[in-house]
């Protein structure tokens, strides 16, 4: 399994600016000013590290082949979060279709799978990553995002309807 992490470059830019201003302030300030700035720097870095760890834990990705193995043994269920027209064009056999925009309102349909692994899937992986967040917030603990969506599923030579 692979963990998806969304790094934001502006975090690094903010840290650079804080260190720059701290260095300038320390050249013209007192020891108290230096200690205060170091305290803020350390606090900010701890907050950033906590946020980074939250992202690491939030979205686990699996390959289409792993998803296929999990669903063939009925150990997991695929939730297709694409729109109706995409679903009608083609879909993975046995998948449950709930468009991302309707997911919050239709969570009761997935209640029976609350303790089972759920694999979210869309066209390429973006919407299904958002669906992972929605499901985790709703109390589903075993939720995975299928890497590359149905495009990767097809590329792997797996069956669609």
C-alpha atoms as a PDB file:
ATOM      1  CA  UNK A   1       0.000   0.000   0.000  1.00  0.00           C
ATOM      2  CA  UNK A   2       1.139   3.500  -0.707  1.00  0.00           C
ATOM      3  CA  UNK A   3       0.299   6.591   1.308  1.00  0.00           C
ATOM      4  CA  UNK A   4      -0.672   9.754  -0.509  1.00  0.00           C
ATOM      5  CA  UNK A   5       0.757  12.961   0.968  1.00  0.00           C
ATOM      6  CA  UNK A   6      -0.125  16.392  -0.319  1.00  0.00           C
ATOM      7  CA  UNK A   7       2.872  18.684   0.357  1.00  0.00           C
ATOM      8  CA  UNK A   8       2.308  22.432   0.103  1.00  0.00           C
ATOM      9  CA  UNK A   9       5.336  24.450  -0.950  1.00  0.00           C
ATOM     10  CA  UNK A  10       4.058  27.587   0.734  1.00  0.00           C
ATOM     11  CA  UNK A  11       4.672  25.956   4.133  1.00  0.00           C
ATOM     12  CA  UNK A  12       8.350  25.924   3.301  1.00  0.00           C
ATOM     13  CA  UNK A  13       8.238  29.542   2.142  1.00  0.00           C
ATOM     14  CA  UNK A  14       6.598  30.596   5.416  1.00  0.00           C
ATOM     15  CA  UNK A  15       9.303  28.828   7.406  1.00  0.00           C
ATOM     16  CA  UNK A  16      12.003  30.588   5.357  1.00  0.00           C
ATOM     17  CA  UNK A  17      10.387  33.971   6.040  1.00  0.00           C
ATOM     18  CA  UNK A  18      10.105  33.282   9.767  1.00  0.00           C
ATOM     19  CA  UNK A  19      13.787  32.370   9.989  1.00  0.00           C
ATOM     20  CA  UNK A  20      14.763  35.423   7.927  1.00  0.00           C
ATOM     21  CA  UNK A  21      12.812  37.810  10.169  1.00  0.00           C
ATOM     22  CA  UNK A  22      14.105  36.058  13.267  1.00  0.00           C
ATOM     23  CA  UNK A  23      17.684  36.548  12.102  1.00  0.00           C
ATOM     24  CA  UNK A  24      17.055  40.223  11.339  1.00  0.00           C
ATOM     25  CA  UNK A  25      15.301  40.732  14.669  1.00  0.00           C
ATOM     26  CA  UNK A  26      18.094  39.075  16.597  1.00  0.00           C
ATOM     27  CA  UNK A  27      20.715  41.330  15.031  1.00  0.00           C
ATOM     28  CA  UNK A  28      18.950  44.410  16.358  1.00  0.00           C
ATOM     29  CA  UNK A  29      17.135  43.029  19.413  1.00  0.00           C
ATOM     30  CA  UNK A  30      17.795  41.757  22.863  1.00  0.00           C
ATOM     31  CA  UNK A  31      18.203  38.227  24.180  1.00  0.00           C
ATOM     32  CA  UNK A  32      14.521  38.224  25.160  1.00  0.00           C
ATOM     33  CA  UNK A  33      13.549  38.987  21.571  1.00  0.00           C
ATOM     34  CA  UNK A  34      15.789  36.175  20.341  1.00  0.00           C
ATOM     35  CA  UNK A  35      14.236  33.680  22.799  1.00  0.00           C
ATOM     36  CA  UNK A  36      10.720  34.782  21.899  1.00  0.00           C
ATOM     37  CA  UNK A  37      11.366  34.346  18.174  1.00  0.00           C
ATOM     38  CA  UNK A  38      12.951  30.941  18.742  1.00  0.00           C
ATOM     39  CA  UNK A  39       9.883  29.908  20.750  1.00  0.00           C
ATOM     40  CA  UNK A  40       7.565  30.932  17.881  1.00  0.00           C
ATOM     41  CA  UNK A  41       9.763  29.167  15.338  1.00  0.00           C
ATOM     42  CA  UNK A  42       9.707  25.942  17.313  1.00  0.00           C
ATOM     43  CA  UNK A  43       5.944  26.158  17.887  1.00  0.00           C
ATOM     44  CA  UNK A  44       5.293  26.751  14.207  1.00  0.00           C
ATOM     45  CA  UNK A  45       7.482  23.811  13.191  1.00  0.00           C
ATOM     46  CA  UNK A  46       5.687  21.514  15.645  1.00  0.00           C
ATOM     47  CA  UNK A  47       2.318  22.533  14.199  1.00  0.00           C
ATOM     48  CA  UNK A  48       3.578  21.857  10.672  1.00  0.00           C
ATOM     49  CA  UNK A  49       4.868  18.442  11.659  1.00  0.00           C
ATOM     50  CA  UNK A  50       1.528  17.571  13.254  1.00  0.00           C
ATOM     51  CA  UNK A  51      -0.307  18.635  10.076  1.00  0.00           C
ATOM     52  CA  UNK A  52       2.028  16.586   7.909  1.00  0.00           C
ATOM     53  CA  UNK A  53       1.425  13.506  10.061  1.00  0.00           C
ATOM     54  CA  UNK A  54      -2.339  13.992   9.805  1.00  0.00           C
ATOM     55  CA  UNK A  55      -2.066  13.947   5.998  1.00  0.00           C
ATOM     56  CA  UNK A  56       0.063  10.815   6.019  1.00  0.00           C
ATOM     57  CA  UNK A  57      -2.498   8.929   8.082  1.00  0.00           C
ATOM     58  CA  UNK A  58      -5.530  10.168   6.195  1.00  0.00           C
ATOM     59  CA  UNK A  59      -5.339   8.657   2.708  1.00  0.00           C
ATOM     60  CA  UNK A  60      -4.028   5.192   1.957  1.00  0.00           C
ATOM     61  CA  UNK A  61      -3.845   4.205  -1.688  1.00  0.00           C
ATOM     62  CA  UNK A  62      -3.904   0.764  -3.243  1.00  0.00           C
ATOM     63  CA  UNK A  63      -3.249  -0.393  -6.787  1.00  0.00           C
ATOM     64  CA  UNK A  64      -6.031  -1.680  -9.036  1.00  0.00           C
ATOM     65  CA  UNK A  65      -4.572  -5.212  -8.784  1.00  0.00           C
ATOM     66  CA  UNK A  66      -4.668  -5.041  -4.965  1.00  0.00           C
ATOM     67  CA  UNK A  67      -8.251  -3.754  -5.165  1.00  0.00           C
ATOM     68  CA  UNK A  68      -9.164  -6.618  -7.490  1.00  0.00           C
ATOM     69  CA  UNK A  69      -7.742  -9.207  -5.099  1.00  0.00           C
ATOM     70  CA  UNK A  70      -9.543  -7.652  -2.121  1.00  0.00           C
ATOM     71  CA  UNK A  71     -12.904  -7.518  -3.897  1.00  0.00           C
ATOM     72  CA  UNK A  72     -12.658 -10.970  -5.507  1.00  0.00           C
ATOM     73  CA  UNK A  73     -12.412 -12.526  -2.061  1.00  0.00           C
ATOM     74  CA  UNK A  74     -15.323 -10.327  -0.941  1.00  0.00           C
ATOM     75  CA  UNK A  75     -13.023  -8.754   1.630  1.00  0.00           C
ATOM     76  CA  UNK A  76     -13.719  -5.245   0.328  1.00  0.00           C
ATOM     77  CA  UNK A  77     -16.278  -3.209  -1.588  1.00  0.00           C
ATOM     78  CA  UNK A  78     -15.545  -0.640  -4.295  1.00  0.00           C
ATOM     79  CA  UNK A  79     -17.449   2.651  -4.154  1.00  0.00           C
ATOM     80  CA  UNK A  80     -17.485   4.394  -7.546  1.00  0.00           C
ATOM     81  CA  UNK A  81     -17.866   8.150  -6.983  1.00  0.00           C
ATOM     82  CA  UNK A  82     -18.056   9.192 -10.642  1.00  0.00           C
ATOM     83  CA  UNK A  83     -21.070  10.867 -12.229  1.00  0.00           C
ATOM     84  CA  UNK A  84     -23.986   8.887 -13.704  1.00  0.00           C
ATOM     85  CA  UNK A  85     -22.871   9.288 -17.332  1.00  0.00           C
ATOM     86  CA  UNK A  86     -19.377   7.991 -16.498  1.00  0.00           C
ATOM     87  CA  UNK A  87     -20.866   5.024 -14.609  1.00  0.00           C
ATOM     88  CA  UNK A  88     -23.224   4.195 -17.501  1.00  0.00           C
ATOM     89  CA  UNK A  89     -20.332   4.227 -19.960  1.00  0.00           C
ATOM     90  CA  UNK A  90     -18.394   1.606 -17.974  1.00  0.00           C
ATOM     91  CA  UNK A  91     -17.878   0.490 -14.397  1.00  0.00           C
ATOM     92  CA  UNK A  92     -16.246  -2.176 -12.269  1.00  0.00           C
ATOM     93  CA  UNK A  93     -18.476  -5.229 -11.709  1.00  0.00           C
ATOM     94  CA  UNK A  94     -19.858  -5.324  -8.169  1.00  0.00           C
ATOM     95  CA  UNK A  95     -19.018  -1.680  -7.425  1.00  0.00           C
ATOM     96  CA  UNK A  96     -21.513   0.519  -5.602  1.00  0.00           C
ATOM     97  CA  UNK A  97     -22.267   3.756  -7.454  1.00  0.00           C
ATOM     98  CA  UNK A  98     -22.627   6.905  -5.369  1.00  0.00           C
ATOM     99  CA  UNK A  99     -21.504  10.150  -7.058  1.00  0.00           C
ATOM    100  CA  UNK A 100     -19.193  12.236  -4.873  1.00  0.00           C
ATOM    101  CA  UNK A 101     -21.707  15.119  -4.751  1.00  0.00           C
ATOM    102  CA  UNK A 102     -24.292  12.739  -3.206  1.00  0.00           C
ATOM    103  CA  UNK A 103     -21.991  10.842  -0.862  1.00  0.00           C
ATOM    104  CA  UNK A 104     -22.863  12.732   2.340  1.00  0.00           C
ATOM    105  CA  UNK A 105     -26.595  12.276   1.781  1.00  0.00           C
ATOM    106  CA  UNK A 106     -26.277   8.576   0.903  1.00  0.00           C
ATOM    107  CA  UNK A 107     -23.959   7.365   3.683  1.00  0.00           C
ATOM    108  CA  UNK A 108     -26.726   5.152   5.092  1.00  0.00           C
ATOM    109  CA  UNK A 109     -26.430   2.964   1.974  1.00  0.00           C
ATOM    110  CA  UNK A 110     -22.899   2.084   3.089  1.00  0.00           C
ATOM    111  CA  UNK A 111     -23.709   1.539   6.775  1.00  0.00           C
ATOM    112  CA  UNK A 112     -23.490  -2.257   6.433  1.00  0.00           C
ATOM    113  CA  UNK A 113     -19.869  -1.872   5.275  1.00  0.00           C
ATOM    114  CA  UNK A 114     -18.756   0.318   8.195  1.00  0.00           C
ATOM    115  CA  UNK A 115     -16.400  -2.374   9.540  1.00  0.00           C
ATOM    116  CA  UNK A 116     -15.337  -3.667   6.123  1.00  0.00           C
ATOM    117  CA  UNK A 117     -12.670  -2.260   3.832  1.00  0.00           C
ATOM    118  CA  UNK A 118     -14.044   0.259   1.343  1.00  0.00           C
ATOM    119  CA  UNK A 119     -12.130   1.189  -1.796  1.00  0.00           C
ATOM    120  CA  UNK A 120     -13.079   4.493  -3.398  1.00  0.00           C
ATOM    121  CA  UNK A 121     -12.661   4.853  -7.144  1.00  0.00           C
ATOM    122  CA  UNK A 122     -13.250   7.522  -9.783  1.00  0.00           C
ATOM    123  CA  UNK A 123     -11.788   8.180 -13.228  1.00  0.00           C
ATOM    124  CA  UNK A 124      -8.206   9.001 -12.215  1.00  0.00           C
ATOM    125  CA  UNK A 125      -8.051   9.166  -8.385  1.00  0.00           C
ATOM    126  CA  UNK A 126      -8.822  12.799  -7.468  1.00  0.00           C
ATOM    127  CA  UNK A 127     -12.500  12.598  -6.556  1.00  0.00           C
ATOM    128  CA  UNK A 128     -12.026   9.260  -4.848  1.00  0.00           C
ATOM    129  CA  UNK A 129      -9.359  10.816  -2.587  1.00  0.00           C
ATOM    130  CA  UNK A 130     -11.972  13.373  -1.494  1.00  0.00           C
ATOM    131  CA  UNK A 131     -14.435  10.528  -0.913  1.00  0.00           C
ATOM    132  CA  UNK A 132     -11.913   8.875   1.449  1.00  0.00           C
ATOM    133  CA  UNK A 133     -12.001  12.012   3.608  1.00  0.00           C
ATOM    134  CA  UNK A 134     -15.817  12.079   3.628  1.00  0.00           C
ATOM    135  CA  UNK A 135     -16.035   8.419   4.619  1.00  0.00           C
ATOM    136  CA  UNK A 136     -13.400   8.707   7.337  1.00  0.00           C
ATOM    137  CA  UNK A 137     -15.197  11.712   8.819  1.00  0.00           C
ATOM    138  CA  UNK A 138     -18.379   9.604   8.828  1.00  0.00           C
ATOM    139  CA  UNK A 139     -16.652   6.947  10.940  1.00  0.00           C
ATOM    140  CA  UNK A 140     -15.516   4.437   8.324  1.00  0.00           C
ATOM    141  CA  UNK A 141     -12.067   3.298   9.398  1.00  0.00           C
ATOM    142  CA  UNK A 142     -10.858   1.016   6.600  1.00  0.00           C
ATOM    143  CA  UNK A 143     -11.017   3.254   3.530  1.00  0.00           C
ATOM    144  CA  UNK A 144      -8.592   3.156   0.621  1.00  0.00           C
ATOM    145  CA  UNK A 145      -8.214   5.223  -2.542  1.00  0.00           C
ATOM    146  CA  UNK A 146      -7.615   3.240  -5.715  1.00  0.00           C
ATOM    147  CA  UNK A 147      -4.585   4.713  -7.496  1.00  0.00           C
ATOM    148  CA  UNK A 148      -5.345   5.946 -11.005  1.00  0.00           C
ATOM    149  CA  UNK A 149      -9.068   5.168 -10.854  1.00  0.00           C
ATOM    150  CA  UNK A 150     -10.866   3.239 -13.575  1.00  0.00           C
ATOM    151  CA  UNK A 151      -8.239   4.340 -16.110  1.00  0.00           C
ATOM    152  CA  UNK A 152      -5.571   2.410 -14.186  1.00  0.00           C
ATOM    153  CA  UNK A 153      -7.996  -0.491 -13.661  1.00  0.00           C
ATOM    154  CA  UNK A 154      -8.471  -0.768 -17.438  1.00  0.00           C
ATOM    155  CA  UNK A 155      -4.752  -0.334 -18.109  1.00  0.00           C
ATOM    156  CA  UNK A 156      -4.087  -3.267 -15.747  1.00  0.00           C
ATOM    157  CA  UNK A 157      -6.355  -5.400 -17.956  1.00  0.00           C
ATOM    158  CA  UNK A 158      -9.040  -5.858 -15.314  1.00  0.00           C
ATOM    159  CA  UNK A 159     -12.689  -6.470 -16.216  1.00  0.00           C
ATOM    160  CA  UNK A 160     -15.276  -3.682 -16.602  1.00  0.00           C
ATOM    161  CA  UNK A 161     -18.945  -3.690 -17.582  1.00  0.00           C
END
